[in-house]
Amino acid sequence: MSNLVIWGCGGHGRVILDIAQAMAAFARIVFYDDAGLPGQTVSGMAVISGDVSQLRDLGLDSFVIAIGTNEARARCYARAIEAGLQPATCIHPTGWISPRAFLGAGTVVMPRVVVQTDARVGLNCILNTGVIVEHDCTIEDHVHLSPGVSLGGNVAIGPGAHLGTGAIAIPGARIGARAIVGAGAVVLSEIPPDVTAVGVPARIIRQHHGERNAT
């Protein structure tokens, strides 16, 4: 059994702690926060601070990033890999993943998620509570699907995209890299990269670059 570092100790990190404990797959679990206070604990778990390069020396060998913002999560993922840690894939016991689906390393699957046959999910993604990913979907690296997102069959989502709570993409829809789809929006066809789209049907309201959060 490996020793798990949860990078980030806010609300998202505490949810991942619940998942990791429910999995019963880790001998030891700690939080990491490079700005943490000495002796700090969160939900009964120690919080380690300082440089990430020390974690291997402390006997910690696997990690998961507990940061909801995609760009920041991708940066931390790269730093943990450089430090020699191995990404852990955390799946809540109530999630259902088809044996013919693929989940990339470091991805988190929260309660009541369904991933159907031949779907592919990239590295370091978040499939939040109650997400549905139907057959043959392709989800690239560092994507965040917020609670209640539903993807029909053959949907494609580019790297770093973020779908807000309850968003829907109908079968065959395409969502570009780093795009943001607002809460409750319905994607009927294609959303290009680097835009924010909201509404029913989803319409583009903003072009952007860099780090954003879904509405």
Protein backbone atom coordinates (compact mmCIF):
# COMPACT_ATOMS: atom_id res chain seq x y z
CA MET A 1 0.00 0.00 0.00
CA SER A 2 1.32 3.43 -0.92
CA ASN A 3 1.43 6.61 1.16
CA LEU A 4 -0.75 9.35 -0.36
CA VAL A 5 -0.18 13.10 -0.46
CA ILE A 6 -3.31 15.19 -1.09
CA TRP A 7 -2.02 18.49 -2.48
CA GLY A 8 -4.48 21.08 -1.20
CA CYS A 9 -6.41 21.01 2.06
CA GLY A 10 -9.51 23.09 1.35
CA GLY A 11 -13.01 21.74 0.78
CA HIS A 12 -11.99 19.87 -2.37
CA GLY A 13 -9.09 18.27 -0.52
CA ARG A 14 -11.34 17.12 2.32
CA VAL A 15 -13.70 15.47 -0.19
CA ILE A 16 -10.75 13.64 -1.73
CA LEU A 17 -9.70 12.54 1.75
CA ASP A 18 -13.12 10.92 2.20
CA ILE A 19 -12.70 9.14 -1.15
CA ALA A 20 -9.17 7.96 -0.34
CA GLN A 21 -10.28 6.61 3.04
CA ALA A 22 -13.29 4.87 1.49
CA MET A 23 -10.96 3.17 -0.99
CA ALA A 24 -8.89 1.68 1.87
CA ALA A 25 -5.96 1.56 -0.54
CA PHE A 26 -3.43 3.79 1.22
CA ALA A 27 -1.31 3.03 4.26
CA ARG A 28 -0.93 6.70 5.18
CA ILE A 29 -2.60 9.90 4.00
CA VAL A 30 -1.35 13.45 4.56
CA PHE A 31 -2.15 16.87 3.14
CA TYR A 32 0.43 19.09 1.48
CA ASP A 33 0.24 22.87 1.42
CA ASP A 34 3.43 24.76 0.59
CA ALA A 35 2.16 27.65 2.74
CA GLY A 36 0.89 25.47 5.61
CA LEU A 37 1.62 26.12 9.28
CA PRO A 38 3.88 23.84 11.37
CA GLY A 39 1.83 21.28 13.27
CA GLN A 40 -1.38 22.08 11.38
CA THR A 41 -3.95 19.32 10.89
CA VAL A 42 -7.06 19.15 8.69
CA SER A 43 -9.76 16.54 9.31
CA GLY A 44 -7.32 14.79 11.61
CA MET A 45 -4.61 14.50 8.96
CA ALA A 46 -1.20 16.17 9.21
CA VAL A 47 -0.47 19.05 6.85
CA ILE A 48 3.06 19.08 5.46
CA SER A 49 4.49 22.37 4.22
CA GLY A 50 7.73 23.48 2.60
CA ASP A 51 9.25 22.45 -0.70
CA VAL A 52 7.54 19.62 -2.59
CA SER A 53 10.92 18.00 -3.22
CA GLN A 54 11.03 16.83 0.43
CA LEU A 55 7.99 14.59 0.16
CA ARG A 56 9.82 11.53 -1.17
CA ASP A 57 12.32 11.84 1.68
CA LEU A 58 9.39 11.64 4.11
CA GLY A 59 8.31 8.26 2.70
CA LEU A 60 5.46 9.67 0.62
CA ASP A 61 5.26 8.10 -2.82
CA SER A 62 1.90 8.91 -4.44
CA PHE A 63 -0.13 12.08 -4.88
CA VAL A 64 -3.40 13.58 -6.03
CA ILE A 65 -3.99 17.28 -6.70
CA ALA A 66 -6.94 18.76 -4.79
CA ILE A 67 -7.20 22.08 -6.63
CA GLY A 68 -10.29 22.82 -8.69
CA THR A 69 -8.78 25.43 -11.02
CA ASN A 70 -7.44 23.60 -14.05
CA GLU A 71 -4.35 25.66 -14.82
CA ALA A 72 -3.15 25.62 -11.21
CA ARG A 73 -3.90 21.90 -10.91
CA ALA A 74 -1.86 21.21 -14.06
CA ARG A 75 1.12 23.19 -12.70
CA CYS A 76 1.06 21.34 -9.38
CA TYR A 77 0.73 18.00 -11.18
CA ALA A 78 3.90 18.73 -13.16
CA ARG A 79 5.75 19.78 -10.01
CA ALA A 80 4.78 16.57 -8.20
CA ILE A 81 5.94 14.45 -11.15
CA GLU A 82 9.26 16.33 -11.19
CA ALA A 83 9.62 15.56 -7.47
CA GLY A 84 9.43 11.83 -8.22
CA LEU A 85 5.92 11.15 -6.92
CA GLN A 86 3.48 8.82 -8.68
CA PRO A 87 -0.04 10.05 -9.52
CA ALA A 88 -2.84 8.17 -7.79
CA THR A 89 -6.25 7.64 -9.41
CA CYS A 90 -8.92 8.00 -6.72
CA ILE A 91 -12.36 6.47 -7.37
CA HIS A 92 -15.17 6.58 -4.83
CA PRO A 93 -16.71 3.11 -4.26
CA THR A 94 -20.10 4.37 -5.49
CA GLY A 95 -18.67 5.40 -8.85
CA TRP A 96 -19.13 3.03 -11.79
CA ILE A 97 -16.41 2.83 -14.42
CA SER A 98 -16.91 0.53 -17.39
CA PRO A 99 -14.16 -2.08 -17.66
CA ARG A 100 -13.73 -0.84 -21.23
CA ALA A 101 -13.32 2.79 -20.22
CA PHE A 102 -9.92 4.41 -19.58
CA LEU A 103 -9.02 6.78 -16.73
CA GLY A 104 -5.76 8.72 -16.82
CA ALA A 105 -3.42 8.84 -13.84
CA GLY A 106 -4.22 11.39 -11.15
CA THR A 107 -7.91 11.61 -12.03
CA VAL A 108 -10.47 11.85 -9.21
CA VAL A 109 -13.89 10.18 -9.53
CA MET A 110 -16.36 11.40 -6.91
CA PRO A 111 -19.51 9.68 -5.62
CA ARG A 112 -22.20 8.45 -8.05
CA VAL A 113 -20.15 9.12 -11.19
CA VAL A 114 -20.82 6.90 -14.22
CA VAL A 115 -18.28 6.42 -17.03
CA GLN A 116 -19.59 4.25 -19.82
CA THR A 117 -17.94 1.90 -22.29
CA ASP A 118 -15.01 3.09 -24.43
CA ALA A 119 -14.95 6.55 -22.84
CA ARG A 120 -11.45 7.94 -22.33
CA VAL A 121 -10.55 10.37 -19.56
CA GLY A 122 -7.15 12.06 -19.48
CA LEU A 123 -4.61 12.84 -16.77
CA ASN A 124 -5.39 14.83 -13.63
CA CYS A 125 -9.10 15.32 -14.33
CA ILE A 126 -11.95 15.88 -11.87
CA LEU A 127 -15.20 14.01 -12.41
CA ASN A 128 -17.23 15.66 -9.69
CA THR A 129 -20.25 14.31 -7.82
CA GLY A 130 -22.92 12.72 -10.02
CA VAL A 131 -21.17 13.27 -13.38
CA ILE A 132 -22.32 11.09 -16.30
CA VAL A 133 -19.89 10.34 -19.14
CA GLU A 134 -21.58 8.29 -21.83
CA HIS A 135 -20.01 5.87 -24.32
CA ASP A 136 -17.11 6.89 -26.57
CA CYS A 137 -16.53 10.30 -24.99
CA THR A 138 -13.00 11.72 -25.06
CA ILE A 139 -11.95 13.98 -22.20
CA GLU A 140 -8.43 15.39 -22.45
CA ASP A 141 -5.99 16.17 -19.61
CA HIS A 142 -6.72 18.57 -16.71
CA VAL A 143 -10.46 18.87 -17.35
CA HIS A 144 -12.94 19.61 -14.54
CA LEU A 145 -16.52 18.39 -14.86
CA SER A 146 -18.47 20.00 -12.01
CA PRO A 147 -21.27 18.25 -10.06
CA GLY A 148 -24.13 16.95 -12.16
CA VAL A 149 -22.51 17.43 -15.59
CA SER A 150 -23.94 15.06 -18.21
CA LEU A 151 -22.18 14.17 -21.46
CA GLY A 152 -23.99 12.29 -24.21
CA GLY A 153 -22.19 9.74 -26.34
CA ASN A 154 -19.18 10.73 -28.48
CA VAL A 155 -18.64 14.11 -26.81
CA ALA A 156 -15.07 15.46 -27.06
CA ILE A 157 -13.62 17.89 -24.49
CA GLY A 158 -10.25 19.59 -25.00
CA PRO A 159 -7.52 19.92 -22.37
CA GLY A 160 -8.12 22.31 -19.51
CA ALA A 161 -11.84 22.82 -20.19
CA HIS A 162 -14.24 23.37 -17.29
CA LEU A 163 -17.96 22.57 -17.33
CA GLY A 164 -20.01 24.20 -14.57
CA THR A 165 -22.56 22.52 -12.33
CA GLY A 166 -25.35 20.77 -14.21
CA ALA A 167 -24.03 21.57 -17.71
CA ILE A 168 -25.08 19.22 -20.52
CA ALA A 169 -23.37 18.35 -23.81
CA ILE A 170 -25.57 16.45 -26.26
CA PRO A 171 -24.19 13.48 -28.24
CA GLY A 172 -21.41 14.44 -30.62
CA ALA A 173 -20.79 17.91 -29.12
CA ARG A 174 -17.26 19.36 -29.15
CA ILE A 175 -15.81 21.64 -26.47
CA GLY A 176 -12.43 23.25 -27.11
CA ALA A 177 -9.32 23.51 -24.97
CA ARG A 178 -9.60 25.77 -21.92
CA ALA A 179 -13.22 26.59 -22.74
CA ILE A 180 -15.62 27.33 -19.88
CA VAL A 181 -19.23 26.18 -20.06
CA GLY A 182 -21.38 27.85 -17.44
CA ALA A 183 -23.61 26.15 -14.89
CA GLY A 184 -26.77 24.69 -16.43
CA ALA A 185 -25.72 25.44 -20.02
CA VAL A 186 -26.57 23.05 -22.85
CA VAL A 187 -23.99 22.52 -25.61
CA LEU A 188 -25.70 21.51 -28.86
CA SER A 189 -22.77 21.46 -31.27
CA GLU A 190 -19.34 23.07 -30.82
CA ILE A 191 -17.69 25.49 -28.37
CA PRO A 192 -14.28 26.74 -29.58
CA PRO A 193 -11.16 26.98 -27.39
CA ASP A 194 -10.59 29.83 -24.94
CA VAL A 195 -14.13 31.11 -24.61
CA THR A 196 -16.86 31.23 -21.98
CA ALA A 197 -20.28 29.98 -23.08
CA VAL A 198 -23.52 30.11 -21.08
CA GLY A 199 -27.22 29.53 -21.53
CA VAL A 200 -29.63 27.19 -23.31
CA PRO A 201 -28.45 26.64 -25.93
CA ALA A 202 -24.90 27.62 -24.91
CA ARG A 203 -23.72 30.85 -26.54
CA ILE A 204 -20.31 32.52 -26.36
CA ILE A 205 -20.19 35.59 -24.13
CA ARG A 206 -16.45 36.07 -23.71
CA GLN A 207 -13.10 35.22 -25.27
CA HIS A 208 -10.24 34.75 -22.86
CA HIS A 209 -6.82 33.33 -22.19
CA GLY A 210 -5.36 31.98 -18.98
CA GLU A 211 -6.88 30.78 -15.76
CA ARG A 212 -10.67 30.99 -15.17
CA ASN A 213 -13.34 29.28 -13.10
CA ALA A 214 -16.67 27.97 -14.37
CA THR A 215 -19.76 29.91 -13.30
